[in-house]
Amino acid sequence: GGLSIISAESPLVSDNLVPLNTVEDAKSVLKIIDALEDNDDVQDVYANFDMSDEVLEGAAE
C-alpha cells in the first residue's frame, strides 16, 4: 500500500506583493482580472496584489 501521486504542480508565488490601499485601485484591478478570466483566449490569470479585508469589501459593493 504505497501512495500514488495525483498531481505535481508547482504554484506560482510572487516574491513581492503590490499593496492595493484604496477601493478605487482594488475595483480597477478586479475589473481587469474579471475581463481576463472571461476571455476565452486566456488560460490562466495570475496576480501579485494584496489588499485589506476593508478594501476588498468596499470593492465588492
PDB file of N, CA and C in Angstrom:
ATOM      1  N   GLY A   1       0.757  -1.180   0.000  1.00  0.00           N
ATOM      2  CA  GLY A   1       0.000   0.000   0.000  1.00  0.00           C
ATOM      3  C   GLY A   1       0.812   1.266   0.000  1.00  0.00           C
ATOM      4  N   GLY A   2       1.343   1.624  -1.170  1.00  0.00           N
ATOM      5  CA  GLY A   2       2.056   2.894  -1.287  1.00  0.00           C
ATOM      6  C   GLY A   2       1.130   4.033  -1.656  1.00  0.00           C
ATOM      7  N   LEU A   3       1.703   5.176  -1.755  1.00  0.00           N
ATOM      8  CA  LEU A   3       0.949   6.363  -2.150  1.00  0.00           C
ATOM      9  C   LEU A   3       1.101   6.591  -3.648  1.00  0.00           C
ATOM     10  N   SER A   4       0.042   7.016  -4.282  1.00  0.00           N
ATOM     11  CA  SER A   4       0.135   7.360  -5.698  1.00  0.00           C
ATOM     12  C   SER A   4      -0.024   8.871  -5.858  1.00  0.00           C
ATOM     13  N   ILE A   5       0.795   9.437  -6.728  1.00  0.00           N
ATOM     14  CA  ILE A   5       0.783  10.881  -6.957  1.00  0.00           C
ATOM     15  C   ILE A   5      -0.342  11.218  -7.925  1.00  0.00           C
ATOM     16  N   ILE A   6      -1.196  12.137  -7.516  1.00  0.00           N
ATOM     17  CA  ILE A   6      -2.314  12.568  -8.349  1.00  0.00           C
ATOM     18  C   ILE A   6      -1.916  13.797  -9.164  1.00  0.00           C
ATOM     19  N   SER A   7      -1.180  14.701  -8.556  1.00  0.00           N
ATOM     20  CA  SER A   7      -0.793  15.932  -9.228  1.00  0.00           C
ATOM     21  C   SER A   7       0.531  16.412  -8.655  1.00  0.00           C
ATOM     22  N   ALA A   8       1.336  17.030  -9.503  1.00  0.00           N
ATOM     23  CA  ALA A   8       2.627  17.558  -9.056  1.00  0.00           C
ATOM     24  C   ALA A   8       2.835  18.947  -9.645  1.00  0.00           C
ATOM     25  N   GLU A   9       1.933  19.850  -9.322  1.00  0.00           N
ATOM     26  CA  GLU A   9       2.028  21.210  -9.832  1.00  0.00           C
ATOM     27  C   GLU A   9       2.875  22.070  -8.908  1.00  0.00           C
ATOM     28  N   SER A  10       3.533  23.026  -9.494  1.00  0.00           N
ATOM     29  CA  SER A  10       4.312  23.991  -8.728  1.00  0.00           C
ATOM     30  C   SER A  10       3.601  25.337  -8.817  1.00  0.00           C
ATOM     31  N   PRO A  11       2.996  25.801  -7.733  1.00  0.00           N
ATOM     32  CA  PRO A  11       2.236  27.058  -7.802  1.00  0.00           C
ATOM     33  C   PRO A  11       3.163  28.251  -8.018  1.00  0.00           C
ATOM     34  N   LEU A  12       2.644  29.236  -8.718  1.00  0.00           N
ATOM     35  CA  LEU A  12       3.399  30.469  -8.912  1.00  0.00           C
ATOM     36  C   LEU A  12       3.146  31.371  -7.712  1.00  0.00           C
ATOM     37  N   VAL A  13       4.197  31.668  -6.985  1.00  0.00           N
ATOM     38  CA  VAL A  13       4.096  32.525  -5.807  1.00  0.00           C
ATOM     39  C   VAL A  13       5.033  33.707  -6.012  1.00  0.00           C
ATOM     40  N   SER A  14       4.479  34.896  -5.949  1.00  0.00           N
ATOM     41  CA  SER A  14       5.263  36.101  -6.173  1.00  0.00           C
ATOM     42  C   SER A  14       6.173  36.392  -4.982  1.00  0.00           C
ATOM     43  N   ASP A  15       7.357  36.902  -5.287  1.00  0.00           N
ATOM     44  CA  ASP A  15       8.280  37.308  -4.228  1.00  0.00           C
ATOM     45  C   ASP A  15       7.904  38.660  -3.632  1.00  0.00           C
ATOM     46  N   ASN A  16       7.150  39.451  -4.386  1.00  0.00           N
ATOM     47  CA  ASN A  16       6.755  40.764  -3.873  1.00  0.00           C
ATOM     48  C   ASN A  16       5.290  41.022  -4.201  1.00  0.00           C
ATOM     49  N   LEU A  17       4.577  41.522  -3.223  1.00  0.00           N
ATOM     50  CA  LEU A  17       3.165  41.842  -3.384  1.00  0.00           C
ATOM     51  C   LEU A  17       2.995  43.347  -3.527  1.00  0.00           C
ATOM     52  N   VAL A  18       2.062  43.734  -4.379  1.00  0.00           N
ATOM     53  CA  VAL A  18       1.747  45.143  -4.573  1.00  0.00           C
ATOM     54  C   VAL A  18       0.528  45.468  -3.718  1.00  0.00           C
ATOM     55  N   PRO A  19       0.657  46.386  -2.778  1.00  0.00           N
ATOM     56  CA  PRO A  19      -0.496  46.712  -1.932  1.00  0.00           C
ATOM     57  C   PRO A  19      -1.528  47.550  -2.685  1.00  0.00           C
ATOM     58  N   LEU A  20      -2.782  47.182  -2.547  1.00  0.00           N
ATOM     59  CA  LEU A  20      -3.888  47.985  -3.071  1.00  0.00           C
ATOM     60  C   LEU A  20      -4.561  48.605  -1.853  1.00  0.00           C
ATOM     61  N   ASN A  21      -4.328  49.890  -1.664  1.00  0.00           N
ATOM     62  CA  ASN A  21      -4.775  50.547  -0.438  1.00  0.00           C
ATOM     63  C   ASN A  21      -6.086  51.296  -0.575  1.00  0.00           C
ATOM     64  N   THR A  22      -6.552  51.497  -1.807  1.00  0.00           N
ATOM     65  CA  THR A  22      -7.801  52.233  -1.985  1.00  0.00           C
ATOM     66  C   THR A  22      -8.832  51.353  -2.677  1.00  0.00           C
ATOM     67  N   VAL A  23     -10.082  51.642  -2.425  1.00  0.00           N
ATOM     68  CA  VAL A  23     -11.179  50.901  -3.048  1.00  0.00           C
ATOM     69  C   VAL A  23     -11.136  51.099  -4.562  1.00  0.00           C
ATOM     70  N   GLU A  24     -10.788  52.303  -5.012  1.00  0.00           N
ATOM     71  CA  GLU A  24     -10.730  52.582  -6.446  1.00  0.00           C
ATOM     72  C   GLU A  24      -9.688  51.708  -7.134  1.00  0.00           C
ATOM     73  N   ASP A  25      -8.494  51.594  -6.534  1.00  0.00           N
ATOM     74  CA  ASP A  25      -7.451  50.735  -7.107  1.00  0.00           C
ATOM     75  C   ASP A  25      -7.907  49.282  -7.138  1.00  0.00           C
ATOM     76  N   ALA A  26      -8.522  48.836  -6.057  1.00  0.00           N
ATOM     77  CA  ALA A  26      -8.989  47.452  -5.981  1.00  0.00           C
ATOM     78  C   ALA A  26     -10.045  47.175  -7.044  1.00  0.00           C
ATOM     79  N   LYS A  27     -10.981  48.101  -7.225  1.00  0.00           N
ATOM     80  CA  LYS A  27     -12.020  47.923  -8.249  1.00  0.00           C
ATOM     81  C   LYS A  27     -11.405  47.831  -9.638  1.00  0.00           C
ATOM     82  N   SER A  28     -10.414  48.663  -9.912  1.00  0.00           N
ATOM     83  CA  SER A  28      -9.763  48.651 -11.225  1.00  0.00           C
ATOM     84  C   SER A  28      -9.077  47.317 -11.491  1.00  0.00           C
ATOM     85  N   VAL A  29      -8.326  46.844 -10.518  1.00  0.00           N
ATOM     86  CA  VAL A  29      -7.608  45.577 -10.693  1.00  0.00           C
ATOM     87  C   VAL A  29      -8.585  44.414 -10.815  1.00  0.00           C
ATOM     88  N   LEU A  30      -9.603  44.377  -9.976  1.00  0.00           N
ATOM     89  CA  LEU A  30     -10.575  43.285 -10.040  1.00  0.00           C
ATOM     90  C   LEU A  30     -11.347  43.303 -11.355  1.00  0.00           C
ATOM     91  N   LYS A  31     -11.606  44.494 -11.889  1.00  0.00           N
ATOM     92  CA  LYS A  31     -12.300  44.607 -13.178  1.00  0.00           C
ATOM     93  C   LYS A  31     -11.439  44.018 -14.296  1.00  0.00           C
ATOM     94  N   ILE A  32     -10.154  44.327 -14.288  1.00  0.00           N
ATOM     95  CA  ILE A  32      -9.248  43.783 -15.302  1.00  0.00           C
ATOM     96  C   ILE A  32      -9.150  42.264 -15.172  1.00  0.00           C
ATOM     97  N   ILE A  33      -9.025  41.775 -13.949  1.00  0.00           N
ATOM     98  CA  ILE A  33      -8.929  40.327 -13.736  1.00  0.00           C
ATOM     99  C   ILE A  33     -10.196  39.632 -14.219  1.00  0.00           C
ATOM    100  N   ASP A  34     -11.361  40.187 -13.902  1.00  0.00           N
ATOM    101  CA  ASP A  34     -12.627  39.600 -14.366  1.00  0.00           C
ATOM    102  C   ASP A  34     -12.686  39.557 -15.888  1.00  0.00           C
ATOM    103  N   ALA A  35     -12.257  40.638 -16.537  1.00  0.00           N
ATOM    104  CA  ALA A  35     -12.278  40.685 -18.005  1.00  0.00           C
ATOM    105  C   ALA A  35     -11.343  39.635 -18.594  1.00  0.00           C
ATOM    106  N   LEU A  36     -10.167  39.479 -18.003  1.00  0.00           N
ATOM    107  CA  LEU A  36      -9.230  38.467 -18.491  1.00  0.00           C
ATOM    108  C   LEU A  36      -9.776  37.061 -18.296  1.00  0.00           C
ATOM    109  N   GLU A  37     -10.366  36.796 -17.132  1.00  0.00           N
ATOM    110  CA  GLU A  37     -10.909  35.465 -16.855  1.00  0.00           C
ATOM    111  C   GLU A  37     -12.079  35.132 -17.771  1.00  0.00           C
ATOM    112  N   ASP A  38     -12.833  36.141 -18.208  1.00  0.00           N
ATOM    113  CA  ASP A  38     -13.974  35.919 -19.099  1.00  0.00           C
ATOM    114  C   ASP A  38     -13.555  35.725 -20.553  1.00  0.00           C
ATOM    115  N   ASN A  39     -12.314  36.072 -20.882  1.00  0.00           N
ATOM    116  CA  ASN A  39     -11.823  35.950 -22.252  1.00  0.00           C
ATOM    117  C   ASN A  39     -11.470  34.492 -22.542  1.00  0.00           C
ATOM    118  N   ASP A  40     -12.070  33.928 -23.584  1.00  0.00           N
ATOM    119  CA  ASP A  40     -11.838  32.524 -23.924  1.00  0.00           C
ATOM    120  C   ASP A  40     -10.400  32.245 -24.354  1.00  0.00           C
ATOM    121  N   ASP A  41      -9.680  33.263 -24.818  1.00  0.00           N
ATOM    122  CA  ASP A  41      -8.304  33.071 -25.268  1.00  0.00           C
ATOM    123  C   ASP A  41      -7.299  33.048 -24.114  1.00  0.00           C
ATOM    124  N   VAL A  42      -7.737  33.407 -22.916  1.00  0.00           N
ATOM    125  CA  VAL A  42      -6.850  33.447 -21.745  1.00  0.00           C
ATOM    126  C   VAL A  42      -7.017  32.154 -20.957  1.00  0.00           C
ATOM    127  N   GLN A  43      -5.891  31.463 -20.711  1.00  0.00           N
ATOM    128  CA  GLN A  43      -5.952  30.193 -19.992  1.00  0.00           C
ATOM    129  C   GLN A  43      -5.885  30.383 -18.481  1.00  0.00           C
ATOM    130  N   ASP A  44      -4.937  31.175 -18.015  1.00  0.00           N
ATOM    131  CA  ASP A  44      -4.744  31.371 -16.579  1.00  0.00           C
ATOM    132  C   ASP A  44      -4.493  32.847 -16.300  1.00  0.00           C
ATOM    133  N   VAL A  45      -4.922  33.296 -15.129  1.00  0.00           N
ATOM    134  CA  VAL A  45      -4.692  34.677 -14.708  1.00  0.00           C
ATOM    135  C   VAL A  45      -3.994  34.633 -13.351  1.00  0.00           C
ATOM    136  N   TYR A  46      -2.882  35.336 -13.252  1.00  0.00           N
ATOM    137  CA  TYR A  46      -2.132  35.410 -12.004  1.00  0.00           C
ATOM    138  C   TYR A  46      -2.044  36.868 -11.572  1.00  0.00           C
ATOM    139  N   ALA A  47      -1.975  37.106 -10.286  1.00  0.00           N
ATOM    140  CA  ALA A  47      -1.871  38.472  -9.777  1.00  0.00           C
ATOM    141  C   ALA A  47      -0.975  38.482  -8.545  1.00  0.00           C
ATOM    142  N   ASN A  48      -0.370  39.620  -8.280  1.00  0.00           N
ATOM    143  CA  ASN A  48       0.514  39.745  -7.118  1.00  0.00           C
ATOM    144  C   ASN A  48       0.134  40.951  -6.270  1.00  0.00           C
ATOM    145  N   PHE A  49      -1.168  41.069  -5.981  1.00  0.00           N
ATOM    146  CA  PHE A  49      -1.614  42.196  -5.167  1.00  0.00           C
ATOM    147  C   PHE A  49      -2.059  41.710  -3.795  1.00  0.00           C
ATOM    148  N   ASP A  50      -2.090  42.655  -2.884  1.00  0.00           N
ATOM    149  CA  ASP A  50      -2.545  42.385  -1.525  1.00  0.00           C
ATOM    150  C   ASP A  50      -3.443  43.544  -1.116  1.00  0.00           C
ATOM    151  N   MET A  51      -4.593  43.211  -0.525  1.00  0.00           N
ATOM    152  CA  MET A  51      -5.497  44.264  -0.054  1.00  0.00           C
ATOM    153  C   MET A  51      -6.119  43.841   1.266  1.00  0.00           C
ATOM    154  N   SER A  52      -6.462  44.822   2.053  1.00  0.00           N
ATOM    155  CA  SER A  52      -7.086  44.543   3.344  1.00  0.00           C
ATOM    156  C   SER A  52      -8.516  44.061   3.124  1.00  0.00           C
ATOM    157  N   ASP A  53      -9.076  43.444   4.136  1.00  0.00           N
ATOM    158  CA  ASP A  53     -10.468  42.991   4.064  1.00  0.00           C
ATOM    159  C   ASP A  53     -11.411  44.169   3.843  1.00  0.00           C
ATOM    160  N   GLU A  54     -11.089  45.321   4.446  1.00  0.00           N
ATOM    161  CA  GLU A  54     -11.935  46.500   4.301  1.00  0.00           C
ATOM    162  C   GLU A  54     -11.955  46.991   2.856  1.00  0.00           C
ATOM    163  N   VAL A  55     -10.783  47.019   2.218  1.00  0.00           N
ATOM    164  CA  VAL A  55     -10.710  47.452   0.821  1.00  0.00           C
ATOM    165  C   VAL A  55     -11.445  46.452  -0.065  1.00  0.00           C
ATOM    166  N   LEU A  56     -11.277  45.163   0.200  1.00  0.00           N
ATOM    167  CA  LEU A  56     -11.966  44.136  -0.585  1.00  0.00           C
ATOM    168  C   LEU A  56     -13.480  44.269  -0.455  1.00  0.00           C
ATOM    169  N   GLU A  57     -13.963  44.496   0.761  1.00  0.00           N
ATOM    170  CA  GLU A  57     -15.404  44.672   0.974  1.00  0.00           C
ATOM    171  C   GLU A  57     -15.917  45.913   0.246  1.00  0.00           C
ATOM    172  N   GLY A  58     -15.144  46.993   0.277  1.00  0.00           N
ATOM    173  CA  GLY A  58     -15.539  48.210  -0.421  1.00  0.00           C
ATOM    174  C   GLY A  58     -15.564  48.017  -1.928  1.00  0.00           C
ATOM    175  N   ALA A  59     -14.637  47.232  -2.447  1.00  0.00           N
ATOM    176  CA  ALA A  59     -14.578  46.983  -3.888  1.00  0.00           C
ATOM    177  C   ALA A  59     -15.712  46.077  -4.339  1.00  0.00           C
ATOM    178  N   ALA A  60     -16.220  45.260  -3.444  1.00  0.00           N
ATOM    179  CA  ALA A  60     -17.287  44.319  -3.794  1.00  0.00           C
ATOM    180  C   ALA A  60     -18.648  44.998  -3.855  1.00  0.00           C
ATOM    181  N   GLU A  61     -18.756  46.197  -3.328  1.00  0.00           N
ATOM    182  CA  GLU A  61     -20.046  46.903  -3.304  1.00  0.00           C
ATOM    183  C   GLU A  61     -20.402  47.476  -4.655  1.00  0.00           C
TER     184      GLU A  61
END
